[in-house]
Amino acid sequence: MKKLVVTAFLVVMLTFAFPFGNNDAKAAYNPEHDIYLEFTLPFDIPFLTEELAYKMFNIQEAIHAYLREHHNIDLEYSYIWIVINGKVVLAIDPPHPMVN
């Protein structure tokens, strides 16, 4: 049940995180601008796993591909990677303000 709630929350969050509008500039994923936030905790959080991080990454990449292919929107973007106890557990593509 927790996984379902967390997954639903993440999908809703990602849906509303993308800026709306049309951007004719051509850009792409910029891994050199990725930010890694590393935390050491005395415990693990069971539902935050590397598998979840890469699923989130793939979902967000698919959304960018959809925007490029179907709406001619190509944004420059990078990720914030959350690392807990040495394991990547979340991939977040933060929204960036649209510049016209």
C-alpha atoms as a PDB file:
ATOM      1  CA  MET A   1       0.000   0.000   0.000  1.00  0.00           C
ATOM      2  CA  LYS A   2       2.842   2.391   0.832  1.00  0.00           C
ATOM      3  CA  LYS A   3       4.442   1.780  -2.564  1.00  0.00           C
ATOM      4  CA  LEU A   4       1.169   2.586  -4.306  1.00  0.00           C
ATOM      5  CA  VAL A   5       0.741   5.831  -2.360  1.00  0.00           C
ATOM      6  CA  VAL A   6       4.360   6.887  -2.955  1.00  0.00           C
ATOM      7  CA  THR A   7       4.150   6.035  -6.661  1.00  0.00           C
ATOM      8  CA  ALA A   8       0.878   7.927  -7.063  1.00  0.00           C
ATOM      9  CA  PHE A   9       2.320  10.920  -5.229  1.00  0.00           C
ATOM     10  CA  LEU A  10       5.426  10.928  -7.432  1.00  0.00           C
ATOM     11  CA  VAL A  11       3.391  10.710 -10.640  1.00  0.00           C
ATOM     12  CA  VAL A  12       1.188  13.623  -9.571  1.00  0.00           C
ATOM     13  CA  MET A  13       4.229  15.625  -8.469  1.00  0.00           C
ATOM     14  CA  LEU A  14       5.982  15.039 -11.791  1.00  0.00           C
ATOM     15  CA  THR A  15       2.871  15.915 -13.777  1.00  0.00           C
ATOM     16  CA  PHE A  16       2.587  19.331 -12.150  1.00  0.00           C
ATOM     17  CA  ALA A  17       6.335  19.950 -11.988  1.00  0.00           C
ATOM     18  CA  PHE A  18       6.712  20.491 -15.727  1.00  0.00           C
ATOM     19  CA  PRO A  19       6.360  24.066 -16.920  1.00  0.00           C
ATOM     20  CA  PHE A  20       3.650  24.605 -19.473  1.00  0.00           C
ATOM     21  CA  GLY A  21       4.062  26.558 -22.669  1.00  0.00           C
ATOM     22  CA  ASN A  22       5.914  26.253 -25.930  1.00  0.00           C
ATOM     23  CA  ASN A  23       9.667  26.544 -26.143  1.00  0.00           C
ATOM     24  CA  ASP A  24      11.187  26.478 -29.621  1.00  0.00           C
ATOM     25  CA  ALA A  25      14.776  26.255 -28.373  1.00  0.00           C
ATOM     26  CA  LYS A  26      16.446  22.902 -28.915  1.00  0.00           C
ATOM     27  CA  ALA A  27      18.171  21.456 -25.873  1.00  0.00           C
ATOM     28  CA  ALA A  28      18.634  18.147 -24.113  1.00  0.00           C
ATOM     29  CA  TYR A  29      19.663  16.343 -20.961  1.00  0.00           C
ATOM     30  CA  ASN A  30      22.769  17.921 -19.437  1.00  0.00           C
ATOM     31  CA  PRO A  31      24.305  15.313 -17.105  1.00  0.00           C
ATOM     32  CA  GLU A  32      27.204  17.642 -16.305  1.00  0.00           C
ATOM     33  CA  HIS A  33      24.702  19.839 -14.429  1.00  0.00           C
ATOM     34  CA  ASP A  34      23.351  16.971 -12.325  1.00  0.00           C
ATOM     35  CA  ILE A  35      23.375  17.565  -8.588  1.00  0.00           C
ATOM     36  CA  TYR A  36      24.028  14.753  -6.127  1.00  0.00           C
ATOM     37  CA  LEU A  37      22.689  15.164  -2.600  1.00  0.00           C
ATOM     38  CA  GLU A  38      24.244  12.533  -0.374  1.00  0.00           C
ATOM     39  CA  PHE A  39      22.976  11.599   3.061  1.00  0.00           C
ATOM     40  CA  THR A  40      24.206   9.082   5.583  1.00  0.00           C
ATOM     41  CA  LEU A  41      21.452   7.760   7.818  1.00  0.00           C
ATOM     42  CA  PRO A  42      21.640   5.195  10.619  1.00  0.00           C
ATOM     43  CA  PHE A  43      18.846   3.279   8.867  1.00  0.00           C
ATOM     44  CA  ASP A  44      17.568   2.494   5.370  1.00  0.00           C
ATOM     45  CA  ILE A  45      14.221   3.609   4.014  1.00  0.00           C
ATOM     46  CA  PRO A  46      12.809   0.382   2.557  1.00  0.00           C
ATOM     47  CA  PHE A  47      10.758   1.835  -0.322  1.00  0.00           C
ATOM     48  CA  LEU A  48      13.573   4.121  -1.552  1.00  0.00           C
ATOM     49  CA  THR A  49      15.678   1.865  -3.751  1.00  0.00           C
ATOM     50  CA  GLU A  50      17.997   2.141  -6.735  1.00  0.00           C
ATOM     51  CA  GLU A  51      15.283   0.420  -8.764  1.00  0.00           C
ATOM     52  CA  LEU A  52      12.871   3.258  -7.893  1.00  0.00           C
ATOM     53  CA  ALA A  53      15.483   5.893  -8.798  1.00  0.00           C
ATOM     54  CA  TYR A  54      16.034   4.458 -12.264  1.00  0.00           C
ATOM     55  CA  LYS A  55      12.309   3.890 -12.841  1.00  0.00           C
ATOM     56  CA  MET A  56      11.740   7.574 -12.049  1.00  0.00           C
ATOM     57  CA  PHE A  57      14.602   8.533 -14.362  1.00  0.00           C
ATOM     58  CA  ASN A  58      13.141   6.445 -17.212  1.00  0.00           C
ATOM     59  CA  ILE A  59       9.630   7.869 -16.693  1.00  0.00           C
ATOM     60  CA  GLN A  60      10.948  11.422 -16.777  1.00  0.00           C
ATOM     61  CA  GLU A  61      13.046  10.677 -19.871  1.00  0.00           C
ATOM     62  CA  ALA A  62       9.932   9.263 -21.560  1.00  0.00           C
ATOM     63  CA  ILE A  63       8.020  12.446 -20.722  1.00  0.00           C
ATOM     64  CA  HIS A  64      10.786  14.554 -22.271  1.00  0.00           C
ATOM     65  CA  ALA A  65      10.746  12.333 -25.380  1.00  0.00           C
ATOM     66  CA  TYR A  66       6.960  12.696 -25.617  1.00  0.00           C
ATOM     67  CA  LEU A  67       7.186  16.489 -25.344  1.00  0.00           C
ATOM     68  CA  ARG A  68       9.876  16.585 -28.063  1.00  0.00           C
ATOM     69  CA  GLU A  69       8.090  14.249 -30.466  1.00  0.00           C
ATOM     70  CA  HIS A  70       4.484  15.359 -30.072  1.00  0.00           C
ATOM     71  CA  HIS A  71       4.634  18.996 -28.971  1.00  0.00           C
ATOM     72  CA  ASN A  72       7.974  20.229 -30.321  1.00  0.00           C
ATOM     73  CA  ILE A  73       9.033  21.172 -26.776  1.00  0.00           C
ATOM     74  CA  ASP A  74      12.671  20.485 -26.077  1.00  0.00           C
ATOM     75  CA  LEU A  75      13.940  21.644 -22.713  1.00  0.00           C
ATOM     76  CA  GLU A  76      17.439  21.733 -21.313  1.00  0.00           C
ATOM     77  CA  TYR A  77      17.324  19.729 -18.118  1.00  0.00           C
ATOM     78  CA  SER A  78      19.364  17.916 -15.529  1.00  0.00           C
ATOM     79  CA  TYR A  79      18.584  15.815 -12.475  1.00  0.00           C
ATOM     80  CA  ILE A  80      18.924  15.981  -8.744  1.00  0.00           C
ATOM     81  CA  TRP A  81      20.029  12.555  -7.552  1.00  0.00           C
ATOM     82  CA  ILE A  82      19.336  11.679  -3.912  1.00  0.00           C
ATOM     83  CA  VAL A  83      21.912   9.257  -2.513  1.00  0.00           C
ATOM     84  CA  ILE A  84      21.268   7.614   0.864  1.00  0.00           C
ATOM     85  CA  ASN A  85      23.920   5.447   2.486  1.00  0.00           C
ATOM     86  CA  GLY A  86      25.839   5.224  -0.791  1.00  0.00           C
ATOM     87  CA  LYS A  87      22.843   4.155  -2.923  1.00  0.00           C
ATOM     88  CA  VAL A  88      21.056   6.337  -5.467  1.00  0.00           C
ATOM     89  CA  VAL A  89      17.424   6.254  -4.346  1.00  0.00           C
ATOM     90  CA  LEU A  90      15.659   9.124  -6.163  1.00  0.00           C
ATOM     91  CA  ALA A  91      16.023  10.923  -9.486  1.00  0.00           C
ATOM     92  CA  ILE A  92      14.258  14.270  -9.638  1.00  0.00           C
ATOM     93  CA  ASP A  93      14.027  16.471 -12.717  1.00  0.00           C
ATOM     94  CA  PRO A  94      13.292  19.859 -11.149  1.00  0.00           C
ATOM     95  CA  PRO A  95      11.201  22.359 -13.095  1.00  0.00           C
ATOM     96  CA  HIS A  96      13.058  25.271 -14.632  1.00  0.00           C
ATOM     97  CA  PRO A  97      11.480  28.633 -15.398  1.00  0.00           C
ATOM     98  CA  MET A  98      10.622  29.172 -19.050  1.00  0.00           C
ATOM     99  CA  VAL A  99      12.604  31.943 -20.703  1.00  0.00           C
ATOM    100  CA  ASN A 100      11.078  33.468 -23.836  1.00  0.00           C
END
